[in-house]
Protein backbone atom coordinates (compact mmCIF):
# COMPACT_ATOMS: atom_id res chain seq x y z
CA ALA A 1 0.00 0.00 0.00
CA THR A 2 1.03 3.61 -0.47
CA VAL A 3 2.04 5.10 2.86
CA VAL A 4 0.49 8.51 3.20
CA VAL A 5 1.36 11.53 5.30
CA LEU A 6 -0.54 14.70 6.07
CA SER A 7 -0.35 17.36 3.37
CA GLU A 8 -1.32 20.94 4.13
CA SER A 9 -3.65 22.53 1.57
CA CYS A 10 -5.54 25.74 1.08
CA HIS A 11 -8.72 24.16 2.50
CA HIS A 12 -9.81 24.63 6.08
CA SER A 13 -8.59 21.89 8.40
CA PRO A 14 -11.27 19.44 9.56
CA PRO A 15 -12.84 20.06 12.94
CA SER A 16 -11.96 17.76 15.84
CA SER A 17 -15.60 17.55 16.90
CA ASP A 18 -18.98 18.44 15.42
CA VAL A 19 -21.81 17.37 17.72
CA ALA A 20 -25.31 17.65 16.25
CA ALA A 21 -28.28 18.64 18.38
CA THR A 22 -30.09 15.46 17.37
CA VAL A 23 -29.22 12.23 15.60
CA GLU A 24 -31.49 13.28 12.74
CA ASP A 25 -29.34 16.38 12.17
CA LEU A 26 -26.26 14.25 11.56
CA ASP A 27 -26.69 13.67 7.83
CA THR A 28 -26.31 17.30 6.81
CA ARG A 29 -23.33 17.81 9.10
CA ARG A 30 -21.61 14.62 7.88
CA VAL A 31 -21.85 15.68 4.24
CA ALA A 32 -20.18 18.98 5.12
CA ASP A 33 -17.54 17.30 7.29
CA LEU A 34 -16.74 14.64 4.68
CA ASN A 35 -16.34 17.41 2.11
CA THR A 36 -13.87 19.15 4.41
CA PHE A 37 -11.92 15.98 5.19
CA VAL A 38 -11.63 14.89 1.56
CA ASN A 39 -10.59 18.31 0.28
CA TYR A 40 -8.09 18.76 3.10
CA LEU A 41 -6.36 15.49 2.30
CA GLY A 42 -3.52 15.82 -0.13
CA ASP A 43 -2.13 12.88 -2.01
CA PRO A 44 -0.62 11.57 0.11
CA GLY A 45 -2.58 12.37 3.29
CA ARG A 46 -3.54 11.17 6.76
CA VAL A 47 -6.75 11.47 8.68
CA GLY A 48 -6.91 12.25 12.38
CA VAL A 49 -8.89 9.81 14.50
CA PRO A 50 -10.78 11.54 17.31
CA GLU A 51 -9.27 10.68 20.70
CA GLY A 52 -6.64 8.52 18.95
CA ASP A 53 -3.67 8.59 16.64
CA SER A 54 -3.93 9.61 13.02
CA ALA A 55 -4.59 6.83 10.52
CA THR A 56 -2.58 6.18 7.37
CA LEU A 57 -4.71 5.96 4.25
CA ALA A 58 -3.73 3.54 1.49
CA LYS A 59 -6.08 4.64 -1.30
CA THR A 60 -6.38 8.42 -0.98
CA ALA A 61 -7.04 9.25 -4.64
CA ALA A 62 -9.68 6.55 -5.10
CA LEU A 63 -11.29 7.52 -1.80
CA ALA A 64 -11.57 11.16 -2.88
CA MET A 65 -13.05 10.12 -6.25
CA PHE A 66 -15.62 7.92 -4.49
CA TYR A 67 -16.93 10.68 -2.21
CA ARG A 68 -16.95 13.36 -4.88
CA GLN A 69 -19.01 11.12 -7.16
CA ARG A 70 -21.62 10.63 -4.43
CA GLY A 71 -21.72 14.26 -3.34
CA PHE A 72 -19.88 13.45 -0.07
CA ARG A 73 -22.80 11.43 1.24
CA PRO A 74 -21.77 8.80 3.83
CA ALA A 75 -21.62 5.22 2.55
CA TRP A 76 -21.61 3.17 5.74
CA SER A 77 -24.09 4.74 8.16
CA ASP A 78 -27.42 6.48 8.30
CA THR A 79 -29.05 8.63 11.00
CA GLY A 80 -26.80 7.54 13.83
CA ARG A 81 -26.48 3.84 13.08
CA LEU A 82 -23.98 1.70 11.24
CA LEU A 83 -25.51 0.03 8.21
CA PRO A 84 -25.33 -3.79 7.84
CA SER A 85 -22.74 -3.30 5.08
CA GLY A 86 -20.47 -1.70 7.68
CA ASP A 87 -20.85 -4.66 9.99
CA SER A 88 -20.14 -6.95 7.03
CA LEU A 89 -16.93 -5.11 6.24
CA MET A 90 -15.82 -5.22 9.87
CA GLY A 91 -16.28 -8.99 9.70
CA GLU A 92 -14.21 -9.21 6.52
CA ILE A 93 -11.45 -7.12 8.09
CA ALA A 94 -11.31 -9.54 11.03
CA ARG A 95 -11.40 -12.50 8.65
CA SER A 96 -8.39 -11.12 6.76
CA ALA A 97 -6.20 -12.65 9.50
CA ASP A 98 -7.07 -16.05 7.98
CA ASP A 99 -5.64 -14.77 4.70
CA GLY A 100 -2.33 -14.09 6.43
CA LEU A 101 -3.03 -10.36 6.44
CA SER A 102 -3.02 -8.04 9.45
CA PRO A 103 -6.43 -6.53 10.26
CA ALA A 104 -4.53 -3.51 11.62
CA TRP A 105 -3.54 -2.64 8.03
CA TYR A 106 -7.26 -2.05 7.40
CA HIS A 107 -7.83 0.25 10.41
CA SER A 108 -9.33 -2.47 12.62
CA GLU A 109 -8.19 -0.91 15.89
CA SER A 110 -9.23 2.66 15.06
CA LEU A 111 -12.59 1.49 13.74
CA ALA A 112 -13.26 -0.71 16.76
CA ARG A 113 -12.49 2.19 19.10
CA LEU A 114 -14.68 4.64 17.17
CA LEU A 115 -17.61 2.24 16.91
CA LYS A 116 -17.39 1.43 20.62
CA GLN A 117 -17.58 5.14 21.45
CA ILE A 118 -20.48 5.68 19.08
CA ARG A 119 -22.45 2.73 20.43
CA HIS A 120 -21.92 3.44 24.12
CA ASP A 121 -21.74 7.24 24.33
CA SER A 122 -24.80 9.30 23.40
CA THR A 123 -22.69 12.40 22.70
CA ALA A 124 -20.28 10.46 20.47
CA ARG A 125 -23.29 9.03 18.65
CA LYS A 126 -24.22 12.56 17.55
CA ASP A 127 -20.67 13.62 16.65
CA ALA A 128 -20.54 14.08 12.86
CA VAL A 129 -16.71 14.04 12.90
CA LYS A 130 -16.59 10.59 14.48
CA TRP A 131 -19.06 9.29 11.94
CA SER A 132 -17.20 10.96 9.06
CA VAL A 133 -13.83 9.51 10.10
CA THR A 134 -15.48 6.09 10.53
CA ASP A 135 -16.86 6.37 7.00
CA LEU A 136 -13.48 7.35 5.56
CA LEU A 137 -11.68 4.50 7.32
CA LEU A 138 -14.24 1.92 6.20
CA THR A 139 -13.98 3.11 2.60
CA ASP A 140 -10.19 3.01 2.67
CA ALA A 141 -10.29 -0.41 4.36
CA PHE A 142 -12.54 -1.83 1.64
CA MET A 143 -10.32 -0.56 -1.16
CA HIS A 144 -7.08 -1.60 0.51
CA LEU A 145 -8.36 -5.06 1.47
CA ALA A 146 -9.78 -5.62 -2.01
CA SER A 147 -6.39 -4.83 -3.53
CA SER A 148 -4.48 -7.01 -1.05
CA LEU A 149 -6.67 -10.04 -1.71
CA ARG A 150 -6.66 -9.66 -5.47
CA PHE A 151 -3.01 -8.77 -6.10
CA GLY A 152 -1.15 -9.47 -2.86
CA VAL A 153 0.64 -7.17 -0.46
CA LEU A 154 4.00 -7.28 -2.21
CA PRO A 155 4.53 -6.01 -5.76
CA PRO A 156 4.68 -8.68 -8.48
CA ASP A 157 8.02 -10.36 -9.03
CA SER A 158 9.53 -12.01 -12.11
CA VAL A 159 7.41 -15.16 -11.76
CA SER A 160 4.06 -13.60 -10.84
CA LEU A 161 1.39 -14.98 -13.19
CA LYS A 162 -1.12 -12.14 -12.89
CA LYS A 163 -1.18 -9.69 -15.77
CA ASP A 164 -2.25 -6.72 -13.62
CA SER A 165 -0.72 -5.57 -10.34
CA THR A 166 -3.29 -3.10 -9.04
CA PHE A 167 -6.83 -1.82 -9.47
CA THR A 168 -7.29 1.56 -11.11
CA ASP A 169 -8.94 4.20 -8.95
CA SER A 170 -12.04 4.14 -11.14
CA THR A 171 -12.27 0.35 -10.80
CA LEU A 172 -12.12 0.57 -7.01
CA VAL A 173 -14.77 3.29 -6.96
CA ALA A 174 -17.11 1.31 -9.22
CA MET A 175 -16.55 -1.88 -7.19
CA LEU A 176 -17.33 -0.20 -3.88
CA SER A 177 -20.33 1.72 -5.28
CA GLN A 178 -21.88 -1.48 -6.60
CA ALA A 179 -21.15 -3.38 -3.38
CA VAL A 180 -22.76 -0.69 -1.21
CA ALA A 181 -25.76 -0.25 -3.49
CA GLY A 182 -26.28 -3.99 -3.85
CA LYS A 183 -25.66 -4.71 -0.17
CA SER A 184 -23.00 -7.21 -1.24
CA VAL A 185 -19.88 -6.00 0.55
CA ALA A 186 -18.94 -9.37 2.06
CA ALA A 187 -19.63 -11.23 -1.19
CA THR A 188 -17.56 -8.73 -3.18
CA ILE A 189 -14.58 -9.03 -0.82
CA ASP A 190 -14.86 -12.81 -0.76
CA SER A 191 -14.92 -12.97 -4.57
CA LEU A 192 -11.46 -11.38 -4.65
CA ARG A 193 -9.86 -14.20 -2.68
CA PRO A 194 -8.13 -16.90 -4.74
CA SER A 195 -10.62 -19.73 -5.15
CA PHE A 196 -8.33 -22.68 -5.91
CA PRO A 197 -7.93 -25.37 -3.20
CA ALA A 198 -4.25 -24.74 -2.44
CA TYR A 199 -5.20 -21.27 -1.17
CA THR A 200 -8.57 -22.00 0.43
CA ASP A 201 -7.26 -25.10 2.25
CA LEU A 202 -4.24 -23.20 3.58
CA SER A 203 -6.40 -20.28 4.69
CA SER A 204 -8.75 -22.66 6.55
CA ALA A 205 -5.76 -24.39 8.13
CA LEU A 206 -4.40 -21.03 9.29
CA HIS A 207 -7.73 -20.31 10.98
CA ARG A 208 -7.53 -23.62 12.83
CA TYR A 209 -3.86 -23.17 13.70
CA ARG A 210 -4.42 -19.68 15.12
CA ALA A 211 -7.26 -21.01 17.29
CA ARG A 212 -5.21 -24.01 18.46
CA MET A 213 -2.12 -21.94 19.28
CA ALA A 214 -3.85 -18.87 20.75
CA GLY A 215 -1.84 -17.54 23.68
CA ARG A 216 0.92 -20.15 23.35
CA ASP A 217 4.64 -19.48 23.12
CA TRP A 218 7.83 -21.17 24.31
CA ASP A 219 11.56 -20.92 24.72
CA THR A 220 14.02 -23.11 22.87
CA LEU A 221 14.55 -26.66 24.06
CA PRO A 222 17.71 -27.34 26.04
CA ALA A 223 20.41 -29.18 24.11
CA PRO A 224 20.45 -32.92 24.88
CA GLY A 225 23.24 -33.39 27.43
CA PRO A 226 24.29 -35.46 30.41
CA ASP A 227 20.92 -34.86 32.06
CA SER A 228 18.87 -36.64 29.40
CA ALA A 229 15.91 -36.91 31.78
CA ALA A 230 15.63 -33.11 31.85
CA PHE A 231 15.63 -33.02 28.06
CA ARG A 232 12.96 -35.71 27.86
CA ARG A 233 10.76 -33.74 30.26
CA ALA A 234 11.24 -30.55 28.21
CA LEU A 235 10.53 -32.46 24.99
CA ALA A 236 7.31 -33.93 26.37
CA LEU A 237 6.19 -30.48 27.56
CA ARG A 238 6.86 -29.00 24.12
CA LEU A 239 4.81 -31.72 22.45
CA ILE A 240 1.99 -31.09 24.90
CA GLU A 241 2.15 -27.32 24.22
CA GLY A 242 2.05 -28.00 20.49
CA GLY A 243 -0.99 -30.24 20.80
CA MET A 244 0.90 -33.38 19.73
CA LEU A 245 0.79 -35.19 23.10
CA ASP A 246 -1.78 -35.57 25.84
CA SER A 247 -0.43 -34.41 29.21
CA ALA A 248 -1.47 -37.74 30.76
CA ASN A 249 1.07 -39.49 28.50
CA ALA A 250 4.08 -37.28 29.27
CA GLY A 251 5.89 -40.11 31.05
CA ASP A 252 5.12 -42.80 28.45
CA SER A 253 8.22 -43.07 26.22
CA ARG A 254 6.34 -44.89 23.46
CA ARG A 255 3.62 -42.22 23.33
CA VAL A 256 6.29 -39.50 23.32
CA GLN A 257 8.10 -41.22 20.45
CA ALA A 258 4.82 -41.55 18.52
CA ALA A 259 4.19 -37.82 19.06
CA VAL A 260 7.68 -37.01 17.79
CA LYS A 261 6.98 -39.08 14.67
CA ALA A 262 3.68 -37.24 14.11
CA PHE A 263 5.49 -33.92 14.48
CA GLN A 264 8.19 -35.05 12.03
CA ARG A 265 5.61 -36.06 9.44
CA GLU A 266 3.90 -32.68 9.80
CA HIS A 267 7.24 -30.96 9.17
CA ASN A 268 8.45 -33.22 6.35
CA LEU A 269 11.25 -34.70 8.47
CA TYR A 270 12.32 -38.32 8.51
CA PRO A 271 9.83 -39.92 10.98
CA ASP A 272 12.23 -41.93 13.13
CA GLY A 273 10.81 -40.70 16.45
CA ILE A 274 14.21 -39.34 17.51
CA ALA A 275 14.49 -35.68 18.46
CA GLY A 276 17.67 -34.92 16.51
CA GLY A 277 19.05 -31.55 15.43
CA ARG A 278 16.59 -30.77 12.65
CA THR A 279 13.62 -31.96 14.69
CA ILE A 280 14.66 -29.78 17.63
CA GLN A 281 15.12 -26.82 15.30
CA ALA A 282 11.58 -27.30 13.98
CA LEU A 283 10.18 -27.75 17.52
CA ASP A 284 11.76 -24.46 18.53
CA ARG A 285 9.87 -22.51 15.87
CA SER A 286 7.23 -20.52 17.73
CA PRO A 287 3.53 -20.36 16.83
CA ALA A 288 4.05 -16.72 15.84
CA TYR A 289 6.75 -17.75 13.39
CA ARG A 290 4.61 -20.53 11.89
CA ILE A 291 1.69 -18.13 11.47
CA GLY A 292 4.05 -15.75 9.66
CA GLN A 293 5.30 -18.63 7.53
CA ILE A 294 1.75 -19.57 6.50
CA ALA A 295 1.04 -15.90 5.74
CA VAL A 296 4.06 -15.72 3.42
CA ASN A 297 2.85 -18.78 1.52
CA LEU A 298 -0.67 -17.39 1.18
CA GLU A 299 0.92 -14.25 -0.28
CA ARG A 300 2.79 -16.38 -2.81
CA TRP A 301 -0.47 -18.05 -3.85
CA ARG A 302 -2.08 -14.63 -4.38
CA HIS A 303 0.47 -14.05 -7.15
CA ARG A 304 -0.61 -17.18 -9.00
CA SER A 305 -3.08 -16.80 -11.83
CA ASP A 306 -6.69 -17.76 -11.10
CA SER A 307 -6.78 -19.71 -14.36
CA MET A 308 -3.91 -22.08 -15.10
CA PRO A 309 -3.24 -23.95 -18.35
CA GLU A 310 -5.03 -27.24 -18.84
CA LYS A 311 -1.67 -29.06 -18.62
CA TYR A 312 1.40 -27.91 -16.74
CA ILE A 313 4.33 -29.10 -14.63
CA TRP A 314 4.73 -27.68 -11.12
CA VAL A 315 7.97 -28.04 -9.13
CA ASN A 316 7.94 -27.02 -5.47
CA ILE A 317 11.54 -26.62 -4.32
CA PRO A 318 11.17 -26.96 -0.50
CA ALA A 319 8.85 -29.98 -0.89
CA TYR A 320 11.33 -31.66 -3.28
CA SER A 321 8.32 -32.40 -5.43
CA LEU A 322 7.24 -32.36 -9.09
CA GLN A 323 3.62 -32.66 -10.14
CA VAL A 324 2.08 -32.92 -13.59
CA HIS A 325 -1.36 -31.31 -13.67
CA ASP A 326 -3.84 -32.24 -16.36
CA SER A 327 -7.48 -31.10 -16.40
CA ASP A 328 -7.47 -30.09 -12.71
CA SER A 329 -5.98 -33.42 -11.61
CA VAL A 330 -2.46 -34.44 -10.63
CA VAL A 331 -1.63 -37.26 -13.05
CA LEU A 332 2.03 -37.72 -12.08
CA HIS A 333 3.98 -37.10 -8.91
CA SER A 334 7.73 -37.40 -8.55
CA ARG A 335 10.38 -36.80 -5.93
CA VAL A 336 13.04 -34.37 -7.07
CA ILE A 337 16.50 -33.22 -6.01
CA VAL A 338 17.03 -29.46 -6.12
CA GLY A 339 19.90 -27.00 -5.79
CA LYS A 340 21.73 -26.71 -2.50
CA PRO A 341 22.11 -23.31 -0.76
CA GLY A 342 24.64 -21.31 -2.73
CA HIS A 343 23.53 -23.11 -5.91
CA GLN A 344 19.79 -22.42 -5.65
CA THR A 345 17.37 -23.76 -8.20
CA PRO A 346 15.90 -20.59 -9.78
CA LEU A 347 12.22 -19.71 -9.63
CA LEU A 348 10.90 -19.44 -13.18
CA ASN A 349 8.15 -19.82 -15.75
CA SER A 350 8.99 -21.66 -18.96
CA ARG A 351 7.93 -24.41 -21.37
CA LEU A 352 9.54 -27.74 -22.13
CA VAL A 353 10.81 -27.77 -25.71
CA ASN A 354 12.47 -31.20 -26.07
CA PHE A 355 14.25 -34.00 -24.28
CA GLN A 356 17.59 -35.60 -25.03
CA LEU A 357 18.15 -39.32 -24.57
CA TYR A 358 21.61 -40.31 -23.36
CA PRO A 359 22.90 -36.75 -23.27
CA TYR A 360 26.39 -35.45 -22.85
CA TRP A 361 26.83 -33.48 -19.65
CA ARG A 362 28.55 -30.21 -20.43
CA VAL A 363 30.05 -29.37 -17.08
CA PRO A 364 29.19 -25.80 -15.99
CA PHE A 365 32.15 -23.43 -15.94
CA SER A 366 31.74 -22.77 -12.21
CA ILE A 367 32.01 -26.48 -11.41
CA ILE A 368 35.07 -26.82 -13.65
CA THR A 369 36.96 -23.95 -12.07
CA HIS A 370 35.92 -24.37 -8.43
CA GLU A 371 35.66 -28.15 -8.09
CA MET A 372 37.41 -29.97 -10.93
CA LEU A 373 40.55 -27.96 -11.68
CA PRO A 374 42.16 -28.58 -8.25
CA ARG A 375 41.64 -32.33 -8.70
CA ILE A 376 42.85 -32.38 -12.33
CA ARG A 377 46.05 -30.49 -11.44
CA LYS A 378 46.87 -33.27 -8.98
CA ASP A 379 45.91 -36.14 -11.28
CA THR A 380 44.71 -35.91 -14.90
CA GLY A 381 43.48 -39.49 -14.51
CA TYR A 382 40.53 -37.97 -12.60
CA LEU A 383 38.98 -37.18 -15.99
CA ALA A 384 39.10 -40.72 -17.37
CA ARG A 385 37.89 -42.26 -14.11
CA ASN A 386 34.80 -40.05 -14.25
CA ASN A 387 34.15 -40.57 -17.97
CA LEU A 388 35.05 -36.94 -18.71
CA GLU A 389 36.70 -35.55 -21.83
CA VAL A 390 38.18 -32.17 -22.75
CA VAL A 391 36.84 -30.53 -25.92
CA ASP A 392 38.17 -27.44 -27.73
CA ARG A 393 36.09 -24.75 -29.42
CA HIS A 394 36.04 -26.76 -32.66
CA ASN A 395 34.50 -29.75 -30.84
CA ASN A 396 37.74 -31.72 -31.04
CA VAL A 397 38.61 -34.01 -28.13
CA VAL A 398 41.92 -32.95 -26.53
CA ASP A 399 44.39 -35.21 -24.70
CA PRO A 400 44.39 -33.82 -21.12
CA ARG A 401 47.95 -35.06 -20.56
CA LYS A 402 49.22 -32.58 -23.15
CA LEU A 403 47.74 -29.55 -21.41
CA ASN A 404 49.46 -27.34 -18.82
CA TRP A 405 46.74 -27.40 -16.19
CA LYS A 406 48.63 -25.03 -13.88
CA LYS A 407 47.91 -22.05 -16.14
CA TYR A 408 44.15 -22.53 -16.13
CA ASN A 409 41.95 -20.82 -13.55
CA GLU A 410 38.53 -19.18 -13.14
CA HIS A 411 39.62 -16.35 -15.42
CA TYR A 412 41.09 -18.46 -18.21
CA PHE A 413 39.98 -21.89 -19.40
CA PRO A 414 39.50 -22.11 -23.20
CA TYR A 415 37.93 -25.60 -23.26
CA LEU A 416 34.76 -27.49 -22.43
CA ILE A 417 34.63 -30.54 -20.22
CA ARG A 418 31.85 -32.94 -20.93
CA GLN A 419 30.85 -36.28 -19.51
CA MET A 420 30.30 -38.96 -22.12
CA THR A 421 26.94 -40.61 -22.50
CA GLY A 422 25.98 -43.75 -20.67
CA LEU A 423 24.46 -45.01 -17.46
CA ASP A 424 27.26 -43.42 -15.41
CA ASN A 425 26.58 -39.96 -16.83
CA SER A 426 25.60 -37.43 -14.14
CA LEU A 427 22.48 -36.53 -16.16
CA GLY A 428 21.49 -40.19 -16.34
CA ILE A 429 19.46 -41.36 -19.31
CA ILE A 430 17.50 -38.21 -20.12
CA LYS A 431 17.61 -34.42 -19.99
CA PHE A 432 14.48 -32.27 -20.38
CA ASN A 433 15.26 -28.87 -21.91
CA PHE A 434 13.29 -25.67 -21.41
CA LEU A 435 14.06 -22.05 -22.25
CA ASN A 436 15.71 -20.18 -19.38
CA PRO A 437 18.66 -17.83 -18.79
CA TYR A 438 20.13 -19.96 -15.96
CA SER A 439 21.34 -23.00 -17.97
CA VAL A 440 19.29 -25.36 -15.78
CA TYR A 441 17.13 -28.30 -16.83
CA LEU A 442 15.27 -31.33 -15.52
CA HIS A 443 17.14 -34.62 -15.76
CA ASP A 444 17.67 -38.15 -14.55
CA THR A 445 20.72 -38.95 -12.39
CA ASN A 446 23.20 -41.77 -11.94
CA LEU A 447 22.83 -41.44 -8.14
CA ARG A 448 19.23 -42.57 -7.79
CA THR A 449 19.62 -43.71 -4.18
CA LEU A 450 19.61 -40.03 -3.18
CA PHE A 451 15.87 -39.90 -3.86
CA GLY A 452 15.43 -41.95 -0.68
CA LEU A 453 16.68 -39.05 1.45
CA THR A 454 14.22 -36.74 3.17
CA GLN A 455 16.29 -33.60 2.60
CA ARG A 456 17.24 -33.40 -1.08
CA ASP A 457 18.84 -30.00 -1.71
CA LEU A 458 21.95 -31.54 -3.25
CA SER A 459 22.38 -30.33 -6.86
CA HIS A 460 24.11 -27.34 -8.44
CA GLY A 461 20.76 -25.84 -9.48
CA CYS A 462 19.24 -28.32 -11.92
CA VAL A 463 16.28 -30.47 -10.93
CA ARG A 464 16.80 -34.24 -10.87
CA VAL A 465 13.56 -36.15 -11.43
CA GLN A 466 12.96 -39.61 -10.02
CA GLN A 467 10.02 -40.42 -12.31
CA TRP A 468 11.75 -39.28 -15.50
CA GLN A 469 10.46 -42.13 -17.66
CA PRO A 470 6.73 -41.60 -16.90
CA LEU A 471 7.31 -37.88 -17.46
CA ALA A 472 8.87 -38.51 -20.88
CA MET A 473 6.03 -40.84 -21.87
CA TYR A 474 3.44 -38.29 -20.72
CA LEU A 475 5.02 -35.56 -22.82
CA ILE A 476 4.83 -37.61 -26.07
CA ARG A 477 1.69 -39.65 -25.37
CA ASP A 478 -0.37 -37.73 -27.97
CA ASP A 479 2.44 -37.29 -30.53
CA THR A 480 2.10 -40.66 -32.26
CA LEU A 481 2.88 -39.34 -35.76
CA ARG A 482 6.47 -38.35 -35.01
CA HIS A 483 7.61 -40.11 -31.83
CA MET A 484 5.61 -43.15 -30.92
CA PRO A 485 6.06 -44.01 -27.25
CA ASP A 486 7.19 -47.53 -28.24
CA SER A 487 9.97 -46.06 -30.36
CA VAL A 488 11.21 -43.87 -27.51
CA ALA A 489 11.15 -46.84 -25.16
CA LEU A 490 13.21 -48.84 -27.68
CA TRP A 491 15.77 -46.04 -28.02
CA MET A 492 16.13 -46.03 -24.25
CA MET A 493 16.79 -49.78 -24.22
CA GLN A 494 19.30 -49.47 -27.06
CA GLN A 495 21.03 -46.51 -25.36
CA LYS A 496 20.65 -44.40 -28.49
CA GLN A 497 21.32 -40.69 -28.45
CA LYS A 498 18.14 -39.03 -29.66
CA LEU A 499 16.81 -35.48 -29.44
CA VAL A 500 13.02 -35.62 -29.19
CA PRO A 501 11.25 -32.30 -29.98
CA LEU A 502 7.94 -31.82 -28.20
CA HIS A 503 4.90 -31.08 -30.33
CA THR A 504 3.12 -29.61 -27.30
CA ARG A 505 5.34 -27.39 -25.18
CA VAL A 506 3.99 -28.01 -21.69
CA PRO A 507 4.35 -25.03 -19.31
CA LEU A 508 6.76 -25.44 -16.39
CA TYR A 509 6.56 -23.50 -13.14
CA ILE A 510 9.29 -23.76 -10.50
CA ARG A 511 8.11 -22.31 -7.21
CA TYR A 512 8.92 -22.01 -3.49
CA PHE A 513 6.20 -22.99 -0.99
CA THR A 514 7.18 -24.00 2.53
CA CYS A 515 3.81 -25.17 3.80
CA SER A 516 0.64 -26.74 2.46
CA ALA A 517 -2.66 -28.01 3.81
CA ASP A 518 -5.13 -30.70 2.88
CA GLY A 519 -8.89 -30.35 2.79
CA LYS A 520 -9.14 -31.42 6.43
CA GLY A 521 -7.01 -28.55 7.69
CA ASN A 522 -3.89 -30.63 8.31
CA LEU A 523 -0.71 -28.63 7.77
CA THR A 524 2.64 -29.79 6.42
CA PHE A 525 5.69 -27.56 6.80
CA TYR A 526 8.85 -27.76 4.69
CA GLN A 527 12.28 -26.46 5.54
CA ASP A 528 13.04 -22.93 4.37
CA ILE A 529 16.21 -24.16 2.66
CA TYR A 530 17.05 -20.87 0.92
CA GLY A 531 15.88 -18.49 3.66
CA TYR A 532 13.24 -16.89 1.43
CA ASP A 533 10.55 -17.05 4.14
CA THR A 534 12.60 -14.89 6.49
CA LEU A 535 13.20 -12.29 3.79
CA GLU A 536 9.55 -12.12 2.78
CA MET A 537 8.28 -11.97 6.37
CA LYS A 538 10.42 -8.87 6.84
CA ARG A 539 9.10 -7.36 3.61
CA ILE A 540 5.47 -8.02 4.51
CA PHE A 541 5.46 -7.39 8.27
CA GLY A 542 8.51 -5.15 8.62
CA SER A 543 10.20 -7.67 10.90
CA LEU A 544 10.05 -11.30 11.88
CA PRO A 545 6.92 -12.22 13.91
CA GLN A 546 7.39 -11.31 17.55
CA THR A 547 8.39 -14.31 19.60
CA LYS A 548 10.77 -15.26 22.38
CA LYS A 549 13.11 -17.29 20.20
CA LEU A 550 13.15 -18.22 16.54
């Protein structure tokens, strides 16, 4: 939102109080006071809240347009009473917490204080200034909340799928005018929320999580040490506080172990029932942090398009997961291995263009200079043992024994190193190519046992796919004129090098979501392997969620 500050203008400043003789006299006074308030506001501007701090307005220009179009008539109240549309909006502001938003951004505290005064104080009920400020804040709240739900709080980034990033002022004015006239404020706000299950399920889960964790917080667990009994007691207490263990079972080691396993499954950790380092780290995350984490993920979903292609591939980095979506169903799921910290898999939108059977692996320059050169200087036999060959710019294979490896470094290396095709190739049997500026791709691997690990951030940025063969067959299943699936399967068996162009270029989206929820409200958290959650929490909330320890 645009942060606004008070701007002096040639108009008279608004009064701090304007008490009418009767409630019926309010309407005339409110029109005059709203006129004064709107014309006094610059762009940007702030509005003073009677008996409170001033309030920052997010949509000053649209707000002014709205009131000028209606002749400064109030929109949310009539003859000393709040209209049902006002109550509806107050409910939507409170509900915004389940969208990972802060109701305070939409003037919840100022409005609650004003409405309490108006409802319980007969003098306040006749104060046209209090009613006018209430009207202004409700209007700004509607416009700001509508924008947050439709486009997100943060500006669009390079992978946002929405074509627009904000409502025009005239669009906001028309939307609010229709909602007020049609008594459909709540329905209008609700229609702006993403409607796909990934968002609605996560929002419902946040509501349940906030209710379950209300008022709870904790310090970090003590490190397991000589006094293991003390650690076990602290562990049991933490599981009880987190709702994973009944207090009556705190002394039952089997029940405690079962609770640890349940916690590990919820946090995508290996469910061995042992409270090791990663499990303790996850246990130490406070409810406030987890609520912030869910909020960040809801924000990411708000940047997804409401309508996705009929067929697409979705990679979620923290979940180490690839899904093929077809006609609103997931038709293929695969474990993946992604880039390790320092070699992050990039977030991107692209389309698969072809796949290569039995590909060469052209070793990235950074791997050559930082990892291979020190080994080759010691022993050129390293290349042959790893099925690697040196190639010059004319694609001629060069004898590595005839090169002076001491003169090559990160600033000068006029060759390529590639790994020859075969089952021992680092890319495995297949490489899926898609357009991108990062030189990354999807591929098989010769180290398939790594898919059995829980934490799989192990690559230099490319995505290794466990179910590469079903993925290849899916991509060509309808292309029987050029590449019959049986032919591709035969080429695989014969270890033939083949480049297979794709008739249909299926969209690919690589994303970063660290929590998800099912339709029953059950949450699963994933490790924030690149630290993006922390960065985005600070961007959205200004700081990390307040808690004793993170």
